Amino acid sequence: MINYNPKVWFPFIFKFNKTDTLRRLFPLMCLAAVYSGVVAWLELEYFQLSKNSYVSNVGLMHSVLGFVISLLLVFRTNTAYDRWWEGRKQLGALTNSARNLAIKLHAFIKEEEDKHFFRLMIPNYAFALKNHLRENDDFHELDPVLDLKRNHHLPNQIASKIFARVIALEQEKKLSADAIWLINEEIKSLTDVCGACERIKNTPIPYTYSVFIKKFIFLYVLTLPFGWVFNIGYLIIPVIVFILYAFASLELIAEEIENPFGKDDNDLPVDQICHNIRKHVSEML
């Protein structure tokens, strides 16, 4: 995730990073410029159509379609941002649950061996969840406390081991029934966060809806030169390029943030959150 000062304008306007939509759309924008130039030349020079031509009336539909496509893109970006913000809330809930669990265990458990187990396993759950959401097989960040099956659901395995250790402490009379009840709520919340994050990751926007928006943008831009060229001439070339950049950029931004757990610049700082959990749990235990 990019950290920035939202009050500074000029660096945002004149600086382009590797994920900027202008870089990603540049080849398509060049094709749109060539296409609009060819259409303008054919209508103005080759066929020499006049403003009274029926072709000039094609632009009438764009005033209506522009309103429709604006509504679609607003809904698309809002839906994607809702997923991004929901992911951030779930990671915040994970941090709070890990802290609360560490605080309660610190109060109830006295032996250093038991504290050491939870000092490692609680952050392990956060890192396991991160790798699970990214479908990453690199587990070097996990402390080798237990022999876990790498081809199984790691967060569930770790949560199960944590709960089994808590039950073992209760059977050894190191934890009371009231303490078990309090600790169980925090362990349960870890699994709830995992399920919510999996729901966000595994439920993208419906395929038909996404395809329709892309086709709508493409056809809208393709038909713009036919009616507008009679009013602005060859200026249609930069106008078409700018309209394509504006509409397609919104779709690209929505695609990037709808899965907020990856490694893109605009994704959530999952790595930083996991390291903060490890740091805070180590301090409390």
C-alpha atoms as a PDB file:
ATOM      1  CA  MET A   1       0.000   0.000   0.000  1.00  0.00           C
ATOM      2  CA  ILE A   2       1.311   3.430  -0.977  1.00  0.00           C
ATOM      3  CA  ASN A   3       1.670   5.921   1.875  1.00  0.00           C
ATOM      4  CA  TYR A   4       1.171   9.479   0.704  1.00  0.00           C
ATOM      5  CA  ASN A   5       0.152  12.967   1.751  1.00  0.00           C
ATOM      6  CA  PRO A   6      -3.346  13.620   0.326  1.00  0.00           C
ATOM      7  CA  LYS A   7      -2.904  17.394   0.716  1.00  0.00           C
ATOM      8  CA  VAL A   8      -0.133  17.595  -1.902  1.00  0.00           C
ATOM      9  CA  TRP A   9      -1.467  17.972  -5.449  1.00  0.00           C
ATOM     10  CA  PHE A  10       1.388  18.561  -7.870  1.00  0.00           C
ATOM     11  CA  PRO A  11       3.303  15.301  -7.283  1.00  0.00           C
ATOM     12  CA  PHE A  12       0.096  13.377  -7.987  1.00  0.00           C
ATOM     13  CA  ILE A  13      -0.485  15.220 -11.252  1.00  0.00           C
ATOM     14  CA  PHE A  14       2.996  15.006 -12.756  1.00  0.00           C
ATOM     15  CA  LYS A  15       4.313  11.762 -11.256  1.00  0.00           C
ATOM     16  CA  PHE A  16       3.567   8.384 -12.830  1.00  0.00           C
ATOM     17  CA  ASN A  17       4.290   5.128 -11.032  1.00  0.00           C
ATOM     18  CA  LYS A  18       4.375   1.665 -12.497  1.00  0.00           C
ATOM     19  CA  THR A  19       0.745   0.954 -11.601  1.00  0.00           C
ATOM     20  CA  ASP A  20      -0.620   4.221 -12.990  1.00  0.00           C
ATOM     21  CA  THR A  21      -3.503   3.609 -15.359  1.00  0.00           C
ATOM     22  CA  LEU A  22      -1.938   5.884 -17.987  1.00  0.00           C
ATOM     23  CA  ARG A  23       0.967   3.467 -18.374  1.00  0.00           C
ATOM     24  CA  ARG A  24      -1.318   0.450 -18.573  1.00  0.00           C
ATOM     25  CA  LEU A  25      -3.731   2.031 -21.023  1.00  0.00           C
ATOM     26  CA  PHE A  26      -1.149   3.717 -23.259  1.00  0.00           C
ATOM     27  CA  PRO A  27      -1.159   1.052 -26.046  1.00  0.00           C
ATOM     28  CA  LEU A  28      -4.964   1.050 -26.140  1.00  0.00           C
ATOM     29  CA  MET A  29      -5.022   4.848 -26.160  1.00  0.00           C
ATOM     30  CA  CYS A  30      -2.673   4.874 -29.161  1.00  0.00           C
ATOM     31  CA  LEU A  31      -4.992   2.496 -31.027  1.00  0.00           C
ATOM     32  CA  ALA A  32      -7.966   4.699 -30.160  1.00  0.00           C
ATOM     33  CA  ALA A  33      -6.126   7.748 -31.505  1.00  0.00           C
ATOM     34  CA  VAL A  34      -5.368   5.976 -34.801  1.00  0.00           C
ATOM     35  CA  TYR A  35      -8.935   4.702 -35.069  1.00  0.00           C
ATOM     36  CA  SER A  36     -10.536   8.101 -34.412  1.00  0.00           C
ATOM     37  CA  GLY A  37      -8.120   9.734 -36.859  1.00  0.00           C
ATOM     38  CA  VAL A  38      -9.063   7.256 -39.585  1.00  0.00           C
ATOM     39  CA  VAL A  39     -12.791   7.781 -38.970  1.00  0.00           C
ATOM     40  CA  ALA A  40     -12.344  11.562 -39.073  1.00  0.00           C
ATOM     41  CA  TRP A  41     -10.388  11.375 -42.345  1.00  0.00           C
ATOM     42  CA  LEU A  42     -12.949   9.094 -43.976  1.00  0.00           C
ATOM     43  CA  GLU A  43     -15.905  11.294 -43.042  1.00  0.00           C
ATOM     44  CA  LEU A  44     -14.296  14.659 -43.733  1.00  0.00           C
ATOM     45  CA  GLU A  45     -11.918  13.975 -46.613  1.00  0.00           C
ATOM     46  CA  TYR A  46     -12.855  10.746 -48.356  1.00  0.00           C
ATOM     47  CA  PHE A  47     -16.665  10.688 -48.214  1.00  0.00           C
ATOM     48  CA  GLN A  48     -16.868  14.467 -47.581  1.00  0.00           C
ATOM     49  CA  LEU A  49     -19.992  14.141 -45.491  1.00  0.00           C
ATOM     50  CA  SER A  50     -21.754  17.316 -44.359  1.00  0.00           C
ATOM     51  CA  LYS A  51     -23.305  18.253 -41.024  1.00  0.00           C
ATOM     52  CA  ASN A  52     -26.712  17.483 -42.530  1.00  0.00           C
ATOM     53  CA  SER A  53     -25.743  13.867 -43.031  1.00  0.00           C
ATOM     54  CA  TYR A  54     -27.608  11.210 -41.092  1.00  0.00           C
ATOM     55  CA  VAL A  55     -24.260  10.082 -39.673  1.00  0.00           C
ATOM     56  CA  SER A  56     -24.039  13.295 -37.657  1.00  0.00           C
ATOM     57  CA  ASN A  57     -27.112  12.220 -35.690  1.00  0.00           C
ATOM     58  CA  VAL A  58     -25.274   9.238 -34.234  1.00  0.00           C
ATOM     59  CA  GLY A  59     -23.932  11.507 -31.507  1.00  0.00           C
ATOM     60  CA  LEU A  60     -27.427  12.051 -30.119  1.00  0.00           C
ATOM     61  CA  MET A  61     -27.405   8.691 -28.397  1.00  0.00           C
ATOM     62  CA  HIS A  62     -24.206   9.449 -26.477  1.00  0.00           C
ATOM     63  CA  SER A  63     -25.866  11.987 -24.188  1.00  0.00           C
ATOM     64  CA  VAL A  64     -28.163   9.236 -22.904  1.00  0.00           C
ATOM     65  CA  LEU A  65     -25.581   6.466 -22.929  1.00  0.00           C
ATOM     66  CA  GLY A  66     -23.058   8.695 -21.160  1.00  0.00           C
ATOM     67  CA  PHE A  67     -25.419   9.019 -18.201  1.00  0.00           C
ATOM     68  CA  VAL A  68     -25.991   5.258 -18.139  1.00  0.00           C
ATOM     69  CA  ILE A  69     -22.303   4.398 -18.304  1.00  0.00           C
ATOM     70  CA  SER A  70     -21.559   6.913 -15.555  1.00  0.00           C
ATOM     71  CA  LEU A  71     -24.046   5.176 -13.261  1.00  0.00           C
ATOM     72  CA  LEU A  72     -22.526   1.800 -14.069  1.00  0.00           C
ATOM     73  CA  LEU A  73     -18.986   2.977 -13.336  1.00  0.00           C
ATOM     74  CA  VAL A  74     -20.030   4.667 -10.085  1.00  0.00           C
ATOM     75  CA  PHE A  75     -21.695   1.469  -8.931  1.00  0.00           C
ATOM     76  CA  ARG A  76     -18.645  -0.536 -10.038  1.00  0.00           C
ATOM     77  CA  THR A  77     -16.129   1.603  -8.157  1.00  0.00           C
ATOM     78  CA  ASN A  78     -18.318   1.805  -5.051  1.00  0.00           C
ATOM     79  CA  THR A  79     -18.688  -1.965  -5.003  1.00  0.00           C
ATOM     80  CA  ALA A  80     -14.935  -2.446  -5.337  1.00  0.00           C
ATOM     81  CA  TYR A  81     -14.190   0.116  -2.609  1.00  0.00           C
ATOM     82  CA  ASP A  82     -16.709  -1.546  -0.297  1.00  0.00           C
ATOM     83  CA  ARG A  83     -14.761  -4.787  -0.687  1.00  0.00           C
ATOM     84  CA  TRP A  84     -11.478  -2.968  -0.028  1.00  0.00           C
ATOM     85  CA  TRP A  85     -12.832  -1.259   3.089  1.00  0.00           C
ATOM     86  CA  GLU A  86     -14.466  -4.461   4.344  1.00  0.00           C
ATOM     87  CA  GLY A  87     -11.099  -6.188   3.995  1.00  0.00           C
ATOM     88  CA  ARG A  88      -9.476  -3.414   6.031  1.00  0.00           C
ATOM     89  CA  LYS A  89     -12.076  -3.771   8.768  1.00  0.00           C
ATOM     90  CA  GLN A  90     -11.509  -7.510   8.923  1.00  0.00           C
ATOM     91  CA  LEU A  91      -7.742  -7.053   9.236  1.00  0.00           C
ATOM     92  CA  GLY A  92      -8.395  -4.553  12.004  1.00  0.00           C
ATOM     93  CA  ALA A  93     -10.612  -7.106  13.722  1.00  0.00           C
ATOM     94  CA  LEU A  94      -7.809  -9.671  13.374  1.00  0.00           C
ATOM     95  CA  THR A  95      -5.379  -7.278  15.062  1.00  0.00           C
ATOM     96  CA  ASN A  96      -7.785  -6.575  17.915  1.00  0.00           C
ATOM     97  CA  SER A  97      -8.559 -10.266  18.422  1.00  0.00           C
ATOM     98  CA  ALA A  98      -4.862 -11.152  18.526  1.00  0.00           C
ATOM     99  CA  ARG A  99      -4.181  -8.405  21.070  1.00  0.00           C
ATOM    100  CA  ASN A 100      -7.152  -9.323  23.244  1.00  0.00           C
ATOM    101  CA  LEU A 101      -6.218 -12.990  23.148  1.00  0.00           C
ATOM    102  CA  ALA A 102      -2.634 -12.182  24.149  1.00  0.00           C
ATOM    103  CA  ILE A 103      -3.794  -9.905  26.989  1.00  0.00           C
ATOM    104  CA  LYS A 104      -6.137 -12.530  28.412  1.00  0.00           C
ATOM    105  CA  LEU A 105      -3.599 -15.331  28.116  1.00  0.00           C
ATOM    106  CA  HIS A 106      -0.992 -13.173  29.828  1.00  0.00           C
ATOM    107  CA  ALA A 107      -3.371 -12.666  32.751  1.00  0.00           C
ATOM    108  CA  PHE A 108      -4.423 -16.318  33.067  1.00  0.00           C
ATOM    109  CA  ILE A 109      -1.216 -18.225  32.235  1.00  0.00           C
ATOM    110  CA  LYS A 110       1.796 -18.214  34.530  1.00  0.00           C
ATOM    111  CA  GLU A 111       4.259 -20.722  33.062  1.00  0.00           C
ATOM    112  CA  GLU A 112       6.771 -19.442  30.515  1.00  0.00           C
ATOM    113  CA  GLU A 113       6.519 -22.543  28.326  1.00  0.00           C
ATOM    114  CA  ASP A 114       2.812 -21.973  27.738  1.00  0.00           C
ATOM    115  CA  LYS A 115       3.332 -18.275  27.082  1.00  0.00           C
ATOM    116  CA  HIS A 116       6.058 -19.088  24.560  1.00  0.00           C
ATOM    117  CA  PHE A 117       3.671 -21.366  22.670  1.00  0.00           C
ATOM    118  CA  PHE A 118       1.025 -18.678  22.295  1.00  0.00           C
ATOM    119  CA  ARG A 119       3.644 -15.984  21.657  1.00  0.00           C
ATOM    120  CA  LEU A 120       4.518 -17.849  18.474  1.00  0.00           C
ATOM    121  CA  MET A 121       1.180 -19.309  17.440  1.00  0.00           C
ATOM    122  CA  ILE A 122      -0.970 -16.180  17.540  1.00  0.00           C
ATOM    123  CA  PRO A 123       1.226 -14.290  15.005  1.00  0.00           C
ATOM    124  CA  ASN A 124       1.534 -17.532  13.051  1.00  0.00           C
ATOM    125  CA  TYR A 125      -2.199 -17.421  12.506  1.00  0.00           C
ATOM    126  CA  ALA A 126      -1.956 -13.938  10.975  1.00  0.00           C
ATOM    127  CA  PHE A 127       0.893 -14.914   8.637  1.00  0.00           C
ATOM    128  CA  ALA A 128      -0.846 -18.173   7.710  1.00  0.00           C
ATOM    129  CA  LEU A 129      -4.006 -16.251   6.845  1.00  0.00           C
ATOM    130  CA  LYS A 130      -1.997 -13.821   4.701  1.00  0.00           C
ATOM    131  CA  ASN A 131      -0.367 -16.648   2.742  1.00  0.00           C
ATOM    132  CA  HIS A 132      -3.688 -18.457   2.452  1.00  0.00           C
ATOM    133  CA  LEU A 133      -5.405 -15.421   0.941  1.00  0.00           C
ATOM    134  CA  ARG A 134      -2.522 -14.876  -1.488  1.00  0.00           C
ATOM    135  CA  GLU A 135      -2.331 -18.587  -2.343  1.00  0.00           C
ATOM    136  CA  ASN A 136       1.337 -18.390  -1.451  1.00  0.00           C
ATOM    137  CA  ASP A 137       3.380 -21.505  -0.656  1.00  0.00           C
ATOM    138  CA  ASP A 138       6.262 -19.593   0.937  1.00  0.00           C
ATOM    139  CA  PHE A 139       5.947 -20.206   4.673  1.00  0.00           C
ATOM    140  CA  HIS A 140       9.326 -18.899   5.832  1.00  0.00           C
ATOM    141  CA  GLU A 141       7.577 -16.312   8.025  1.00  0.00           C
ATOM    142  CA  LEU A 142       5.897 -19.003  10.105  1.00  0.00           C
ATOM    143  CA  ASP A 143       7.764 -20.111  13.231  1.00  0.00           C
ATOM    144  CA  PRO A 144       8.216 -23.894  13.102  1.00  0.00           C
ATOM    145  CA  VAL A 145       6.381 -24.587  16.362  1.00  0.00           C
ATOM    146  CA  LEU A 146       4.183 -27.390  15.070  1.00  0.00           C
ATOM    147  CA  ASP A 147       4.314 -29.915  12.275  1.00  0.00           C
ATOM    148  CA  LEU A 148       1.625 -28.500  10.019  1.00  0.00           C
ATOM    149  CA  LYS A 149       0.364 -30.061   6.795  1.00  0.00           C
ATOM    150  CA  ARG A 150       1.240 -27.568   4.089  1.00  0.00           C
ATOM    151  CA  ASN A 151      -1.417 -28.819   1.645  1.00  0.00           C
ATOM    152  CA  HIS A 152      -4.204 -28.265   4.178  1.00  0.00           C
ATOM    153  CA  HIS A 153      -5.972 -25.140   5.433  1.00  0.00           C
ATOM    154  CA  LEU A 154      -3.205 -23.598   7.563  1.00  0.00           C
ATOM    155  CA  PRO A 155      -5.263 -21.020   9.473  1.00  0.00           C
ATOM    156  CA  ASN A 156      -7.717 -23.710  10.546  1.00  0.00           C
ATOM    157  CA  GLN A 157      -4.866 -25.970  11.662  1.00  0.00           C
ATOM    158  CA  ILE A 158      -3.282 -23.243  13.764  1.00  0.00           C
ATOM    159  CA  ALA A 159      -6.609 -22.199  15.308  1.00  0.00           C
ATOM    160  CA  SER A 160      -7.289 -25.839  16.141  1.00  0.00           C
ATOM    161  CA  LYS A 161      -3.876 -26.199  17.793  1.00  0.00           C
ATOM    162  CA  ILE A 162      -4.400 -23.019  19.821  1.00  0.00           C
ATOM    163  CA  PHE A 163      -7.784 -24.206  21.065  1.00  0.00           C
ATOM    164  CA  ALA A 164      -6.450 -27.695  21.814  1.00  0.00           C
ATOM    165  CA  ARG A 165      -3.671 -26.162  23.916  1.00  0.00           C
ATOM    166  CA  VAL A 166      -6.210 -24.059  25.816  1.00  0.00           C
ATOM    167  CA  ILE A 167      -8.328 -27.133  26.539  1.00  0.00           C
ATOM    168  CA  ALA A 168      -5.215 -29.006  27.683  1.00  0.00           C
ATOM    169  CA  LEU A 169      -4.439 -26.175  30.115  1.00  0.00           C
ATOM    170  CA  GLU A 170      -8.002 -26.397  31.441  1.00  0.00           C
ATOM    171  CA  GLN A 171      -7.635 -30.143  31.972  1.00  0.00           C
ATOM    172  CA  GLU A 172      -4.383 -29.525  33.819  1.00  0.00           C
ATOM    173  CA  LYS A 173      -6.279 -27.100  36.115  1.00  0.00           C
ATOM    174  CA  LYS A 174      -4.234 -24.146  34.850  1.00  0.00           C
ATOM    175  CA  LEU A 175      -7.308 -22.394  33.467  1.00  0.00           C
ATOM    176  CA  SER A 176     -10.764 -22.067  34.952  1.00  0.00           C
ATOM    177  CA  ALA A 177     -14.054 -22.542  33.104  1.00  0.00           C
ATOM    178  CA  ASP A 178     -14.643 -18.785  33.117  1.00  0.00           C
ATOM    179  CA  ALA A 179     -11.217 -18.186  31.603  1.00  0.00           C
ATOM    180  CA  ILE A 180     -11.920 -20.774  28.902  1.00  0.00           C
ATOM    181  CA  TRP A 181     -15.145 -18.976  28.022  1.00  0.00           C
ATOM    182  CA  LEU A 182     -13.383 -15.611  27.692  1.00  0.00           C
ATOM    183  CA  ILE A 183     -10.511 -17.015  25.640  1.00  0.00           C
ATOM    184  CA  ASN A 184     -12.840 -19.001  23.387  1.00  0.00           C
ATOM    185  CA  GLU A 185     -14.519 -15.807  22.196  1.00  0.00           C
ATOM    186  CA  GLU A 186     -11.205 -14.454  20.896  1.00  0.00           C
ATOM    187  CA  ILE A 187     -10.250 -17.740  19.216  1.00  0.00           C
ATOM    188  CA  LYS A 188     -13.672 -17.860  17.566  1.00  0.00           C
ATOM    189  CA  SER A 189     -13.204 -14.326  16.240  1.00  0.00           C
ATOM    190  CA  LEU A 190      -9.994 -15.402  14.473  1.00  0.00           C
ATOM    191  CA  THR A 191     -11.936 -17.963  12.448  1.00  0.00           C
ATOM    192  CA  ASP A 192     -14.700 -15.440  11.792  1.00  0.00           C
ATOM    193  CA  VAL A 193     -12.138 -13.036  10.307  1.00  0.00           C
ATOM    194  CA  CYS A 194     -10.698 -15.811   8.151  1.00  0.00           C
ATOM    195  CA  GLY A 195     -14.135 -16.683   6.780  1.00  0.00           C
ATOM    196  CA  ALA A 196     -14.937 -13.035   6.026  1.00  0.00           C
ATOM    197  CA  CYS A 197     -11.638 -12.523   4.181  1.00  0.00           C
ATOM    198  CA  GLU A 198     -12.195 -15.705   2.168  1.00  0.00           C
ATOM    199  CA  ARG A 199     -15.645 -14.443   1.226  1.00  0.00           C
ATOM    200  CA  ILE A 200     -14.162 -11.188  -0.086  1.00  0.00           C
ATOM    201  CA  LYS A 201     -11.422 -12.946  -2.031  1.00  0.00           C
ATOM    202  CA  ASN A 202     -13.473 -15.781  -3.491  1.00  0.00           C
ATOM    203  CA  THR A 203     -16.573 -13.807  -4.482  1.00  0.00           C
ATOM    204  CA  PRO A 204     -15.598 -11.377  -7.250  1.00  0.00           C
ATOM    205  CA  ILE A 205     -18.057  -9.224  -9.145  1.00  0.00           C
ATOM    206  CA  PRO A 206     -20.285 -11.437 -11.370  1.00  0.00           C
ATOM    207  CA  TYR A 207     -18.602 -12.316 -14.651  1.00  0.00           C
ATOM    208  CA  THR A 208     -21.460 -11.130 -16.854  1.00  0.00           C
ATOM    209  CA  TYR A 209     -21.577  -7.749 -15.141  1.00  0.00           C
ATOM    210  CA  SER A 210     -17.837  -7.192 -15.532  1.00  0.00           C
ATOM    211  CA  VAL A 211     -17.866  -8.223 -19.189  1.00  0.00           C
ATOM    212  CA  PHE A 212     -20.848  -5.987 -19.920  1.00  0.00           C
ATOM    213  CA  ILE A 213     -19.122  -2.898 -18.506  1.00  0.00           C
ATOM    214  CA  LYS A 214     -16.004  -3.530 -20.607  1.00  0.00           C
ATOM    215  CA  LYS A 215     -18.054  -4.057 -23.763  1.00  0.00           C
ATOM    216  CA  PHE A 216     -20.145  -0.992 -23.021  1.00  0.00           C
ATOM    217  CA  ILE A 217     -17.068   1.211 -22.627  1.00  0.00           C
ATOM    218  CA  PHE A 218     -15.505  -0.222 -25.787  1.00  0.00           C
ATOM    219  CA  LEU A 219     -18.591   0.261 -27.970  1.00  0.00           C
ATOM    220  CA  TYR A 220     -19.281   3.700 -26.514  1.00  0.00           C
ATOM    221  CA  VAL A 221     -15.800   4.926 -27.403  1.00  0.00           C
ATOM    222  CA  LEU A 222     -15.908   3.297 -30.853  1.00  0.00           C
ATOM    223  CA  THR A 223     -19.104   5.120 -31.834  1.00  0.00           C
ATOM    224  CA  LEU A 224     -18.128   8.560 -30.508  1.00  0.00           C
ATOM    225  CA  PRO A 225     -16.135   9.753 -33.573  1.00  0.00           C
ATOM    226  CA  PHE A 226     -18.985   9.194 -36.059  1.00  0.00           C
ATOM    227  CA  GLY A 227     -21.199  11.987 -34.763  1.00  0.00           C
ATOM    228  CA  TRP A 228     -18.715  14.295 -33.042  1.00  0.00           C
ATOM    229  CA  VAL A 229     -16.267  14.688 -35.892  1.00  0.00           C
ATOM    230  CA  PHE A 230     -18.573  17.175 -37.672  1.00  0.00           C
ATOM    231  CA  ASN A 231     -18.424  19.545 -34.690  1.00  0.00           C
ATOM    232  CA  ILE A 232     -14.771  19.401 -33.629  1.00  0.00           C
ATOM    233  CA  GLY A 233     -12.998  17.940 -36.655  1.00  0.00           C
ATOM    234  CA  TYR A 234      -9.646  16.335 -36.016  1.00  0.00           C
ATOM    235  CA  LEU A 235      -9.769  17.416 -32.385  1.00  0.00           C
ATOM    236  CA  ILE A 236     -11.815  14.248 -31.992  1.00  0.00           C
ATOM    237  CA  ILE A 237      -8.510  12.370 -31.658  1.00  0.00           C
ATOM    238  CA  PRO A 238      -7.409  13.791 -28.261  1.00  0.00           C
ATOM    239  CA  VAL A 239     -11.035  13.899 -27.085  1.00  0.00           C
ATOM    240  CA  ILE A 240     -11.530  10.169 -27.734  1.00  0.00           C
ATOM    241  CA  VAL A 241      -8.221   9.344 -26.083  1.00  0.00           C
ATOM    242  CA  PHE A 242      -9.136  11.312 -22.969  1.00  0.00           C
ATOM    243  CA  ILE A 243     -12.632   9.781 -22.708  1.00  0.00           C
ATOM    244  CA  LEU A 244     -11.179   6.279 -23.067  1.00  0.00           C
ATOM    245  CA  TYR A 245      -8.586   7.056 -20.396  1.00  0.00           C
ATOM    246  CA  ALA A 246     -11.214   8.347 -17.973  1.00  0.00           C
ATOM    247  CA  PHE A 247     -13.688   5.476 -18.349  1.00  0.00           C
ATOM    248  CA  ALA A 248     -11.193   2.622 -18.633  1.00  0.00           C
ATOM    249  CA  SER A 249      -9.159   3.920 -15.676  1.00  0.00           C
ATOM    250  CA  LEU A 250     -12.168   3.655 -13.381  1.00  0.00           C
ATOM    251  CA  GLU A 251     -12.654   0.042 -14.434  1.00  0.00           C
ATOM    252  CA  LEU A 252      -8.960  -0.768 -13.918  1.00  0.00           C
ATOM    253  CA  ILE A 253      -8.953   0.847 -10.464  1.00  0.00           C
ATOM    254  CA  ALA A 254     -12.023  -1.157  -9.476  1.00  0.00           C
ATOM    255  CA  GLU A 255     -10.383  -4.387 -10.694  1.00  0.00           C
ATOM    256  CA  GLU A 256      -7.268  -3.686  -8.634  1.00  0.00           C
ATOM    257  CA  ILE A 257      -8.894  -2.890  -5.301  1.00  0.00           C
ATOM    258  CA  GLU A 258     -11.691  -5.479  -5.332  1.00  0.00           C
ATOM    259  CA  ASN A 259      -9.181  -8.096  -4.109  1.00  0.00           C
ATOM    260  CA  PRO A 260      -7.371  -6.089  -1.398  1.00  0.00           C
ATOM    261  CA  PHE A 261      -5.122  -8.827  -0.010  1.00  0.00           C
ATOM    262  CA  GLY A 262      -2.545  -9.011  -2.802  1.00  0.00           C
ATOM    263  CA  LYS A 263       0.735  -7.188  -3.396  1.00  0.00           C
ATOM    264  CA  ASP A 264      -0.417  -4.364  -5.661  1.00  0.00           C
ATOM    265  CA  ASP A 265       0.423  -0.801  -4.678  1.00  0.00           C
ATOM    266  CA  ASN A 266      -3.187  -0.046  -3.797  1.00  0.00           C
ATOM    267  CA  ASP A 267      -3.814  -3.249  -1.852  1.00  0.00           C
ATOM    268  CA  LEU A 268      -4.000  -3.339   1.923  1.00  0.00           C
ATOM    269  CA  PRO A 269      -0.762  -3.377   3.981  1.00  0.00           C
ATOM    270  CA  VAL A 270      -1.236  -7.004   5.029  1.00  0.00           C
ATOM    271  CA  ASP A 271       2.482  -7.617   5.611  1.00  0.00           C
ATOM    272  CA  GLN A 272       2.784  -4.620   7.904  1.00  0.00           C
ATOM    273  CA  ILE A 273      -0.314  -5.644   9.864  1.00  0.00           C
ATOM    274  CA  CYS A 274       1.032  -9.170  10.368  1.00  0.00           C
ATOM    275  CA  HIS A 275       4.394  -7.886  11.596  1.00  0.00           C
ATOM    276  CA  ASN A 276       2.631  -5.482  13.964  1.00  0.00           C
ATOM    277  CA  ILE A 277       0.633  -8.377  15.393  1.00  0.00           C
ATOM    278  CA  ARG A 278       3.837 -10.332  15.986  1.00  0.00           C
ATOM    279  CA  LYS A 279       5.452  -7.326  17.648  1.00  0.00           C
ATOM    280  CA  HIS A 280       2.507  -6.519  19.915  1.00  0.00           C
ATOM    281  CA  VAL A 281       1.843 -10.118  20.930  1.00  0.00           C
ATOM    282  CA  SER A 282       5.528 -10.570  21.786  1.00  0.00           C
ATOM    283  CA  GLU A 283       5.404  -7.465  23.962  1.00  0.00           C
ATOM    284  CA  MET A 284       2.315  -8.634  25.846  1.00  0.00           C
ATOM    285  CA  LEU A 285       3.402 -12.250  26.318  1.00  0.00           C
END
